């Protein structure tokens, strides 16, 4: 299975590093034209830039859906488990 493309909201650097170590491709929302499989976000983050202002990102994973994962409600392990379950 190709590795998943995951957007991680700016400011969630520890999560980004952990996902990269686990083999996921971590990108910024505006930094890719690839299909995005999941978005990890936090409503508690002080960084509010979450928009796709340039229109280049493709919000449709390989299965046709994008999984949204709230980092404020999930531990790092739970985030990894949710990503592992994406088919």
C-alpha atoms as a PDB file:
ATOM      1  CA  UNK A   1       0.000   0.000   0.000  1.00  0.00           C
ATOM      2  CA  UNK A   2       1.399   3.440  -0.843  1.00  0.00           C
ATOM      3  CA  UNK A   3       2.125   5.598   2.135  1.00  0.00           C
ATOM      4  CA  UNK A   4      -0.641   7.914   3.177  1.00  0.00           C
ATOM      5  CA  UNK A   5      -0.500  11.666   2.667  1.00  0.00           C
ATOM      6  CA  UNK A   6      -1.396  13.430   5.903  1.00  0.00           C
ATOM      7  CA  UNK A   7      -1.891  17.140   6.489  1.00  0.00           C
ATOM      8  CA  UNK A   8      -1.019  18.219  10.019  1.00  0.00           C
ATOM      9  CA  UNK A   9      -2.155  21.640  11.154  1.00  0.00           C
ATOM     10  CA  UNK A  10       0.668  24.100  11.694  1.00  0.00           C
ATOM     11  CA  UNK A  11       1.767  24.193  15.311  1.00  0.00           C
ATOM     12  CA  UNK A  12       1.362  20.441  15.888  1.00  0.00           C
ATOM     13  CA  UNK A  13       5.058  19.800  15.308  1.00  0.00           C
ATOM     14  CA  UNK A  14       5.431  16.809  17.634  1.00  0.00           C
ATOM     15  CA  UNK A  15       2.633  14.998  15.837  1.00  0.00           C
ATOM     16  CA  UNK A  16       4.206  15.795  12.459  1.00  0.00           C
ATOM     17  CA  UNK A  17       7.547  14.369  13.587  1.00  0.00           C
ATOM     18  CA  UNK A  18       5.945  11.223  15.001  1.00  0.00           C
ATOM     19  CA  UNK A  19       3.996  10.591  11.812  1.00  0.00           C
ATOM     20  CA  UNK A  20       7.065  11.097   9.629  1.00  0.00           C
ATOM     21  CA  UNK A  21       8.997   8.618  11.808  1.00  0.00           C
ATOM     22  CA  UNK A  22       6.154   6.135  11.343  1.00  0.00           C
ATOM     23  CA  UNK A  23       6.456   6.449   7.559  1.00  0.00           C
ATOM     24  CA  UNK A  24       3.623   8.807   6.696  1.00  0.00           C
ATOM     25  CA  UNK A  25       4.091  11.623   4.202  1.00  0.00           C
ATOM     26  CA  UNK A  26       3.315  14.810   6.144  1.00  0.00           C
ATOM     27  CA  UNK A  27       2.487  17.878   4.054  1.00  0.00           C
ATOM     28  CA  UNK A  28       1.018  21.332   4.505  1.00  0.00           C
ATOM     29  CA  UNK A  29      -2.465  21.895   3.141  1.00  0.00           C
ATOM     30  CA  UNK A  30      -1.217  24.424   0.611  1.00  0.00           C
ATOM     31  CA  UNK A  31       2.036  22.575  -0.110  1.00  0.00           C
ATOM     32  CA  UNK A  32       0.795  19.594  -2.096  1.00  0.00           C
ATOM     33  CA  UNK A  33      -1.165  18.708  -5.194  1.00  0.00           C
ATOM     34  CA  UNK A  34      -1.405  15.053  -4.118  1.00  0.00           C
ATOM     35  CA  UNK A  35      -4.574  13.427  -2.852  1.00  0.00           C
ATOM     36  CA  UNK A  36      -4.793  13.947   0.896  1.00  0.00           C
ATOM     37  CA  UNK A  37      -5.802  10.900   2.948  1.00  0.00           C
ATOM     38  CA  UNK A  38      -6.146  12.519   6.391  1.00  0.00           C
ATOM     39  CA  UNK A  39      -6.012  15.840   8.187  1.00  0.00           C
ATOM     40  CA  UNK A  40      -4.855  16.090  11.808  1.00  0.00           C
ATOM     41  CA  UNK A  41      -6.044  19.286  13.444  1.00  0.00           C
ATOM     42  CA  UNK A  42      -6.582  20.819  16.853  1.00  0.00           C
ATOM     43  CA  UNK A  43      -9.336  23.256  17.755  1.00  0.00           C
ATOM     44  CA  UNK A  44      -7.071  24.371  20.612  1.00  0.00           C
ATOM     45  CA  UNK A  45      -4.183  25.438  18.383  1.00  0.00           C
ATOM     46  CA  UNK A  46      -3.339  29.129  18.341  1.00  0.00           C
ATOM     47  CA  UNK A  47      -2.545  28.850  14.629  1.00  0.00           C
ATOM     48  CA  UNK A  48      -5.777  29.384  12.758  1.00  0.00           C
ATOM     49  CA  UNK A  49      -4.445  28.915   9.211  1.00  0.00           C
ATOM     50  CA  UNK A  50      -6.336  25.852   8.054  1.00  0.00           C
ATOM     51  CA  UNK A  51      -7.606  27.001   4.676  1.00  0.00           C
ATOM     52  CA  UNK A  52      -6.656  25.964   1.188  1.00  0.00           C
ATOM     53  CA  UNK A  53      -6.147  29.413  -0.244  1.00  0.00           C
ATOM     54  CA  UNK A  54      -4.332  28.557  -3.468  1.00  0.00           C
ATOM     55  CA  UNK A  55      -6.708  25.785  -4.555  1.00  0.00           C
ATOM     56  CA  UNK A  56      -3.984  23.278  -5.427  1.00  0.00           C
ATOM     57  CA  UNK A  57      -4.615  20.625  -2.770  1.00  0.00           C
ATOM     58  CA  UNK A  58      -6.782  17.647  -3.589  1.00  0.00           C
ATOM     59  CA  UNK A  59      -9.021  16.805  -0.676  1.00  0.00           C
ATOM     60  CA  UNK A  60      -9.804  13.259  -1.695  1.00  0.00           C
ATOM     61  CA  UNK A  61      -7.773  10.317  -0.500  1.00  0.00           C
ATOM     62  CA  UNK A  62      -7.188   7.117  -2.393  1.00  0.00           C
ATOM     63  CA  UNK A  63     -10.513   5.811  -1.054  1.00  0.00           C
ATOM     64  CA  UNK A  64     -12.416   8.972  -2.042  1.00  0.00           C
ATOM     65  CA  UNK A  65     -12.616  10.347   1.501  1.00  0.00           C
ATOM     66  CA  UNK A  66     -10.462  12.426   3.833  1.00  0.00           C
ATOM     67  CA  UNK A  67     -10.299  11.325   7.461  1.00  0.00           C
ATOM     68  CA  UNK A  68     -10.370  14.201   9.943  1.00  0.00           C
ATOM     69  CA  UNK A  69      -8.571  13.487  13.236  1.00  0.00           C
ATOM     70  CA  UNK A  70      -8.902  15.854  16.179  1.00  0.00           C
ATOM     71  CA  UNK A  71      -5.539  15.889  17.976  1.00  0.00           C
ATOM     72  CA  UNK A  72      -7.203  17.412  21.027  1.00  0.00           C
ATOM     73  CA  UNK A  73      -9.317  14.289  21.488  1.00  0.00           C
ATOM     74  CA  UNK A  74      -6.767  11.626  20.480  1.00  0.00           C
ATOM     75  CA  UNK A  75      -3.380  10.608  21.837  1.00  0.00           C
ATOM     76  CA  UNK A  76      -0.444  10.137  19.463  1.00  0.00           C
ATOM     77  CA  UNK A  77      -1.055   6.372  19.622  1.00  0.00           C
ATOM     78  CA  UNK A  78      -4.738   6.799  18.810  1.00  0.00           C
ATOM     79  CA  UNK A  79      -3.865   9.016  15.835  1.00  0.00           C
ATOM     80  CA  UNK A  80      -1.491   6.341  14.511  1.00  0.00           C
ATOM     81  CA  UNK A  81      -4.135   3.648  14.977  1.00  0.00           C
ATOM     82  CA  UNK A  82      -6.732   5.689  13.087  1.00  0.00           C
ATOM     83  CA  UNK A  83      -4.286   6.251  10.232  1.00  0.00           C
ATOM     84  CA  UNK A  84      -3.389   2.557  10.119  1.00  0.00           C
ATOM     85  CA  UNK A  85      -7.077   1.747   9.688  1.00  0.00           C
ATOM     86  CA  UNK A  86      -7.482   3.884   6.559  1.00  0.00           C
ATOM     87  CA  UNK A  87      -7.902   1.634   3.555  1.00  0.00           C
END
